[in-house]
Amino acid sequence: MSATTVAGAAKAAVTKSSPSTNTVYLFRHIQTSQVLVSLKNSVEKQSLKQITDVTRRPPHVRPDHWHPLVAIQGFSRPQDALSFHNSLRDHQLNLHSVKVADKEHMTQPRRLRAPQEMNQVDSTLVKMVELLNTHPTIKANQGKGLHILWERDGVRKQILEKEGLSLLEGIEHGDLIVKRGRDIANA
């Protein structure tokens, strides 16, 4: 057996054994409502770079402060999950610059601006729904095979009703099972 055959078999085994490569996770900070997007089922230090305002960025990751918000499973290929992750992460990176560019927002006192700048849950979930509805691969399949696990069903209903949004018909919904406050059990 050649070295390339062995390497190819090892790569295929890794891909089959790690189903999380086709899952995108969103985590929210329990105190500030900041949101991080990840391809892993936990938050790592490098994920903090998504918070571009260094005055609002936590200095290190405290796992007990980051709670799973949403897990999106069932992307047909890891490349689809990665492109969706990157699109959502780019939205996160631009959130702060959009708020700073708003003159009306900047005229408010800092004590009033800070909570508004850190509250990213609603805008991120709205963007997630928009991206799911416009992602070419998901749209082509009408959402079939995609499964969204929500922290609470009330979060899903609130976002969809508040913004008047709807998801593709084929997308299934479920509850995200979390143990010990932060460990995802079913994704």
C-alpha atoms as a PDB file:
ATOM      1  CA  MET A   1       0.000   0.000   0.000  1.00  0.00           C
ATOM      2  CA  SER A   2       1.398   3.398  -0.953  1.00  0.00           C
ATOM      3  CA  ALA A   3       1.824   6.348   1.400  1.00  0.00           C
ATOM      4  CA  THR A   4      -0.829   8.375  -0.415  1.00  0.00           C
ATOM      5  CA  THR A   5      -3.360   5.571  -0.036  1.00  0.00           C
ATOM      6  CA  VAL A   6      -2.679   5.384   3.702  1.00  0.00           C
ATOM      7  CA  ALA A   7      -2.907   9.174   4.054  1.00  0.00           C
ATOM      8  CA  GLY A   8      -6.171   9.224   2.087  1.00  0.00           C
ATOM      9  CA  ALA A   9      -7.638   6.438   4.230  1.00  0.00           C
ATOM     10  CA  ALA A  10      -6.594   8.245   7.423  1.00  0.00           C
ATOM     11  CA  LYS A  11      -8.182  11.472   6.218  1.00  0.00           C
ATOM     12  CA  ALA A  12     -11.413   9.644   5.363  1.00  0.00           C
ATOM     13  CA  ALA A  13     -11.456   7.970   8.786  1.00  0.00           C
ATOM     14  CA  VAL A  14     -10.993  11.307  10.552  1.00  0.00           C
ATOM     15  CA  THR A  15     -13.772  12.871   8.497  1.00  0.00           C
ATOM     16  CA  LYS A  16     -16.152  10.003   9.287  1.00  0.00           C
ATOM     17  CA  SER A  17     -15.305   9.885  12.978  1.00  0.00           C
ATOM     18  CA  SER A  18     -15.777  13.608  13.644  1.00  0.00           C
ATOM     19  CA  PRO A  19     -19.359  14.598  12.810  1.00  0.00           C
ATOM     20  CA  SER A  20     -18.802  18.045  14.319  1.00  0.00           C
ATOM     21  CA  THR A  21     -17.011  19.172  11.135  1.00  0.00           C
ATOM     22  CA  ASN A  22     -20.468  19.680   9.628  1.00  0.00           C
ATOM     23  CA  THR A  23     -21.803  21.648  12.602  1.00  0.00           C
ATOM     24  CA  VAL A  24     -21.631  25.373  13.343  1.00  0.00           C
ATOM     25  CA  TYR A  25     -22.023  26.534  16.947  1.00  0.00           C
ATOM     26  CA  LEU A  26     -23.013  29.910  18.376  1.00  0.00           C
ATOM     27  CA  PHE A  27     -22.131  30.760  21.982  1.00  0.00           C
ATOM     28  CA  ARG A  28     -23.375  33.685  24.040  1.00  0.00           C
ATOM     29  CA  HIS A  29     -21.665  35.317  26.992  1.00  0.00           C
ATOM     30  CA  ILE A  30     -23.995  35.044  29.979  1.00  0.00           C
ATOM     31  CA  GLN A  31     -23.157  38.512  31.337  1.00  0.00           C
ATOM     32  CA  THR A  32     -22.673  40.657  28.248  1.00  0.00           C
ATOM     33  CA  SER A  33     -24.741  38.870  25.533  1.00  0.00           C
ATOM     34  CA  GLN A  34     -21.799  38.870  23.154  1.00  0.00           C
ATOM     35  CA  VAL A  35     -21.844  36.064  20.582  1.00  0.00           C
ATOM     36  CA  LEU A  36     -19.031  33.890  19.206  1.00  0.00           C
ATOM     37  CA  VAL A  37     -19.250  31.575  16.198  1.00  0.00           C
ATOM     38  CA  SER A  38     -17.272  28.335  16.222  1.00  0.00           C
ATOM     39  CA  LEU A  39     -16.819  25.103  14.317  1.00  0.00           C
ATOM     40  CA  LYS A  40     -15.976  23.367  17.600  1.00  0.00           C
ATOM     41  CA  ASN A  41     -18.330  22.555  20.453  1.00  0.00           C
ATOM     42  CA  SER A  42     -16.369  24.755  22.839  1.00  0.00           C
ATOM     43  CA  VAL A  43     -14.990  28.284  22.893  1.00  0.00           C
ATOM     44  CA  GLU A  44     -11.244  28.738  22.459  1.00  0.00           C
ATOM     45  CA  LYS A  45      -9.057  31.768  23.091  1.00  0.00           C
ATOM     46  CA  GLN A  46      -8.619  32.492  19.390  1.00  0.00           C
ATOM     47  CA  SER A  47     -12.411  32.838  19.070  1.00  0.00           C
ATOM     48  CA  LEU A  48     -12.231  36.009  21.168  1.00  0.00           C
ATOM     49  CA  LYS A  49     -10.729  37.798  18.145  1.00  0.00           C
ATOM     50  CA  GLN A  50     -14.281  37.976  16.775  1.00  0.00           C
ATOM     51  CA  ILE A  51     -14.925  40.718  19.336  1.00  0.00           C
ATOM     52  CA  THR A  52     -13.165  43.598  17.614  1.00  0.00           C
ATOM     53  CA  ASP A  53     -13.616  46.158  20.377  1.00  0.00           C
ATOM     54  CA  VAL A  54     -10.686  45.344  22.661  1.00  0.00           C
ATOM     55  CA  THR A  55     -12.209  47.319  25.529  1.00  0.00           C
ATOM     56  CA  ARG A  56     -15.176  44.921  25.482  1.00  0.00           C
ATOM     57  CA  ARG A  57     -13.207  41.740  24.820  1.00  0.00           C
ATOM     58  CA  PRO A  58     -12.775  39.391  27.779  1.00  0.00           C
ATOM     59  CA  PRO A  59      -9.062  38.882  28.541  1.00  0.00           C
ATOM     60  CA  HIS A  60      -9.381  35.091  28.535  1.00  0.00           C
ATOM     61  CA  VAL A  61     -11.958  32.385  27.987  1.00  0.00           C
ATOM     62  CA  ARG A  62     -13.935  31.360  31.027  1.00  0.00           C
ATOM     63  CA  PRO A  63     -15.913  28.310  29.919  1.00  0.00           C
ATOM     64  CA  ASP A  64     -18.539  28.909  32.592  1.00  0.00           C
ATOM     65  CA  HIS A  65     -19.338  32.324  31.027  1.00  0.00           C
ATOM     66  CA  TRP A  66     -19.951  31.066  27.470  1.00  0.00           C
ATOM     67  CA  HIS A  67     -23.238  29.195  27.046  1.00  0.00           C
ATOM     68  CA  PRO A  68     -24.263  27.372  23.827  1.00  0.00           C
ATOM     69  CA  LEU A  69     -26.967  29.307  22.003  1.00  0.00           C
ATOM     70  CA  VAL A  70     -27.494  27.422  18.725  1.00  0.00           C
ATOM     71  CA  ALA A  71     -26.010  24.407  16.949  1.00  0.00           C
ATOM     72  CA  ILE A  72     -26.655  24.049  13.223  1.00  0.00           C
ATOM     73  CA  GLN A  73     -26.129  20.479  12.041  1.00  0.00           C
ATOM     74  CA  GLY A  74     -26.444  18.655   8.758  1.00  0.00           C
ATOM     75  CA  PHE A  75     -24.388  20.625   6.279  1.00  0.00           C
ATOM     76  CA  SER A  76     -23.797  18.267   3.378  1.00  0.00           C
ATOM     77  CA  ARG A  77     -20.069  19.008   3.198  1.00  0.00           C
ATOM     78  CA  PRO A  78     -17.507  20.462   5.627  1.00  0.00           C
ATOM     79  CA  GLN A  79     -16.859  23.221   3.051  1.00  0.00           C
ATOM     80  CA  ASP A  80     -20.494  24.344   3.332  1.00  0.00           C
ATOM     81  CA  ALA A  81     -20.242  24.530   7.118  1.00  0.00           C
ATOM     82  CA  LEU A  82     -16.989  26.469   6.800  1.00  0.00           C
ATOM     83  CA  SER A  83     -18.411  28.991   4.326  1.00  0.00           C
ATOM     84  CA  PHE A  84     -21.491  29.513   6.521  1.00  0.00           C
ATOM     85  CA  HIS A  85     -19.234  29.910   9.581  1.00  0.00           C
ATOM     86  CA  ASN A  86     -17.057  32.452   7.769  1.00  0.00           C
ATOM     87  CA  SER A  87     -20.060  34.488   6.603  1.00  0.00           C
ATOM     88  CA  LEU A  88     -21.491  34.639  10.107  1.00  0.00           C
ATOM     89  CA  ARG A  89     -18.080  35.411  11.611  1.00  0.00           C
ATOM     90  CA  ASP A  90     -17.600  38.286   9.144  1.00  0.00           C
ATOM     91  CA  HIS A  91     -20.930  39.694  10.296  1.00  0.00           C
ATOM     92  CA  GLN A  92     -19.677  39.492  13.896  1.00  0.00           C
ATOM     93  CA  LEU A  93     -16.457  41.291  12.983  1.00  0.00           C
ATOM     94  CA  ASN A  94     -18.399  44.148  11.385  1.00  0.00           C
ATOM     95  CA  LEU A  95     -20.925  44.680  14.183  1.00  0.00           C
ATOM     96  CA  HIS A  96     -18.767  47.065  16.175  1.00  0.00           C
ATOM     97  CA  SER A  97     -17.691  49.171  13.194  1.00  0.00           C
ATOM     98  CA  VAL A  98     -21.324  49.635  12.126  1.00  0.00           C
ATOM     99  CA  LYS A  99     -22.335  50.895  15.562  1.00  0.00           C
ATOM    100  CA  VAL A 100     -19.337  53.227  15.819  1.00  0.00           C
ATOM    101  CA  ALA A 101     -20.170  54.706  12.413  1.00  0.00           C
ATOM    102  CA  ASP A 102     -23.683  55.618  13.593  1.00  0.00           C
ATOM    103  CA  LYS A 103     -23.480  59.256  14.792  1.00  0.00           C
ATOM    104  CA  GLU A 104     -26.723  58.999  16.778  1.00  0.00           C
ATOM    105  CA  HIS A 105     -25.393  56.000  18.662  1.00  0.00           C
ATOM    106  CA  MET A 106     -22.085  57.724  19.409  1.00  0.00           C
ATOM    107  CA  THR A 107     -23.771  60.802  20.901  1.00  0.00           C
ATOM    108  CA  GLN A 108     -25.151  58.693  23.745  1.00  0.00           C
ATOM    109  CA  PRO A 109     -23.170  58.499  26.991  1.00  0.00           C
ATOM    110  CA  ARG A 110     -20.747  55.593  27.202  1.00  0.00           C
ATOM    111  CA  ARG A 111     -22.707  53.928  30.022  1.00  0.00           C
ATOM    112  CA  LEU A 112     -25.715  53.658  27.672  1.00  0.00           C
ATOM    113  CA  ARG A 113     -23.735  52.713  24.568  1.00  0.00           C
ATOM    114  CA  ALA A 114     -21.787  49.862  26.160  1.00  0.00           C
ATOM    115  CA  PRO A 115     -24.720  47.475  26.744  1.00  0.00           C
ATOM    116  CA  GLN A 116     -26.072  48.172  23.252  1.00  0.00           C
ATOM    117  CA  GLU A 117     -22.698  47.439  21.675  1.00  0.00           C
ATOM    118  CA  MET A 118     -22.284  44.198  23.588  1.00  0.00           C
ATOM    119  CA  ASN A 119     -25.797  42.854  22.990  1.00  0.00           C
ATOM    120  CA  GLN A 120     -25.240  40.815  19.836  1.00  0.00           C
ATOM    121  CA  VAL A 121     -27.705  37.957  20.259  1.00  0.00           C
ATOM    122  CA  ASP A 122     -30.646  39.320  18.269  1.00  0.00           C
ATOM    123  CA  SER A 123     -28.637  40.727  15.361  1.00  0.00           C
ATOM    124  CA  THR A 124     -26.551  37.550  15.065  1.00  0.00           C
ATOM    125  CA  LEU A 125     -29.579  35.260  15.070  1.00  0.00           C
ATOM    126  CA  VAL A 126     -31.324  37.431  12.468  1.00  0.00           C
ATOM    127  CA  LYS A 127     -28.216  37.284  10.290  1.00  0.00           C
ATOM    128  CA  MET A 128     -28.043  33.503  10.813  1.00  0.00           C
ATOM    129  CA  VAL A 129     -31.620  33.121   9.519  1.00  0.00           C
ATOM    130  CA  GLU A 130     -30.879  35.374   6.522  1.00  0.00           C
ATOM    131  CA  LEU A 131     -27.749  33.382   5.671  1.00  0.00           C
ATOM    132  CA  LEU A 132     -29.572  30.057   5.984  1.00  0.00           C
ATOM    133  CA  ASN A 133     -32.260  31.295   3.593  1.00  0.00           C
ATOM    134  CA  THR A 134     -29.752  32.577   1.023  1.00  0.00           C
ATOM    135  CA  HIS A 135     -26.919  30.004   1.256  1.00  0.00           C
ATOM    136  CA  PRO A 136     -26.804  28.372  -2.219  1.00  0.00           C
ATOM    137  CA  THR A 137     -26.414  24.753  -1.098  1.00  0.00           C
ATOM    138  CA  ILE A 138     -29.100  24.997   1.586  1.00  0.00           C
ATOM    139  CA  LYS A 139     -31.470  26.845  -0.730  1.00  0.00           C
ATOM    140  CA  ALA A 140     -30.986  24.220  -3.456  1.00  0.00           C
ATOM    141  CA  ASN A 141     -32.027  21.451  -1.019  1.00  0.00           C
ATOM    142  CA  GLN A 142     -34.880  23.562   0.436  1.00  0.00           C
ATOM    143  CA  GLY A 143     -33.218  23.128   3.841  1.00  0.00           C
ATOM    144  CA  LYS A 144     -33.669  19.353   3.886  1.00  0.00           C
ATOM    145  CA  GLY A 145     -31.173  17.579   6.109  1.00  0.00           C
ATOM    146  CA  LEU A 146     -30.431  20.691   8.150  1.00  0.00           C
ATOM    147  CA  HIS A 147     -31.217  20.567  11.846  1.00  0.00           C
ATOM    148  CA  ILE A 148     -31.050  23.594  14.166  1.00  0.00           C
ATOM    149  CA  LEU A 149     -30.776  22.917  17.881  1.00  0.00           C
ATOM    150  CA  TRP A 150     -31.855  25.927  19.955  1.00  0.00           C
ATOM    151  CA  GLU A 151     -30.962  26.802  23.532  1.00  0.00           C
ATOM    152  CA  ARG A 152     -34.660  27.433  24.148  1.00  0.00           C
ATOM    153  CA  ASP A 153     -37.613  27.210  21.803  1.00  0.00           C
ATOM    154  CA  GLY A 154     -38.634  30.668  23.012  1.00  0.00           C
ATOM    155  CA  VAL A 155     -35.481  32.148  21.475  1.00  0.00           C
ATOM    156  CA  ARG A 156     -36.418  30.777  18.059  1.00  0.00           C
ATOM    157  CA  LYS A 157     -39.999  32.016  18.273  1.00  0.00           C
ATOM    158  CA  GLN A 158     -38.944  35.436  19.529  1.00  0.00           C
ATOM    159  CA  ILE A 159     -36.459  36.016  16.705  1.00  0.00           C
ATOM    160  CA  LEU A 160     -38.730  34.756  13.955  1.00  0.00           C
ATOM    161  CA  GLU A 161     -41.803  36.646  15.201  1.00  0.00           C
ATOM    162  CA  LYS A 162     -39.984  39.849  16.161  1.00  0.00           C
ATOM    163  CA  GLU A 163     -38.277  40.276  12.829  1.00  0.00           C
ATOM    164  CA  GLY A 164     -41.008  38.734  10.667  1.00  0.00           C
ATOM    165  CA  LEU A 165     -38.564  36.166   9.299  1.00  0.00           C
ATOM    166  CA  SER A 166     -39.174  32.608   8.222  1.00  0.00           C
ATOM    167  CA  LEU A 167     -36.826  29.705   7.644  1.00  0.00           C
ATOM    168  CA  LEU A 168     -36.928  27.286   4.741  1.00  0.00           C
ATOM    169  CA  GLU A 169     -39.585  24.593   5.165  1.00  0.00           C
ATOM    170  CA  GLY A 170     -37.182  21.625   5.181  1.00  0.00           C
ATOM    171  CA  ILE A 171     -35.157  22.817   8.177  1.00  0.00           C
ATOM    172  CA  GLU A 172     -35.898  20.842  11.336  1.00  0.00           C
ATOM    173  CA  HIS A 173     -35.736  22.306  14.826  1.00  0.00           C
ATOM    174  CA  GLY A 174     -34.893  20.769  18.163  1.00  0.00           C
ATOM    175  CA  ASP A 175     -33.700  21.497  21.662  1.00  0.00           C
ATOM    176  CA  LEU A 176     -30.037  21.820  22.489  1.00  0.00           C
ATOM    177  CA  ILE A 177     -29.266  19.558  25.423  1.00  0.00           C
ATOM    178  CA  VAL A 178     -26.653  21.145  27.669  1.00  0.00           C
ATOM    179  CA  LYS A 179     -25.098  19.465  30.694  1.00  0.00           C
ATOM    180  CA  ARG A 180     -23.361  21.296  33.519  1.00  0.00           C
ATOM    181  CA  GLY A 181     -24.394  24.600  31.966  1.00  0.00           C
ATOM    182  CA  ARG A 182     -21.977  24.493  29.021  1.00  0.00           C
ATOM    183  CA  ASP A 183     -21.300  20.956  27.718  1.00  0.00           C
ATOM    184  CA  ILE A 184     -23.312  20.114  24.626  1.00  0.00           C
ATOM    185  CA  ALA A 185     -24.701  16.584  24.827  1.00  0.00           C
ATOM    186  CA  ASN A 186     -26.544  16.140  21.527  1.00  0.00           C
ATOM    187  CA  ALA A 187     -24.509  18.018  18.915  1.00  0.00           C
END
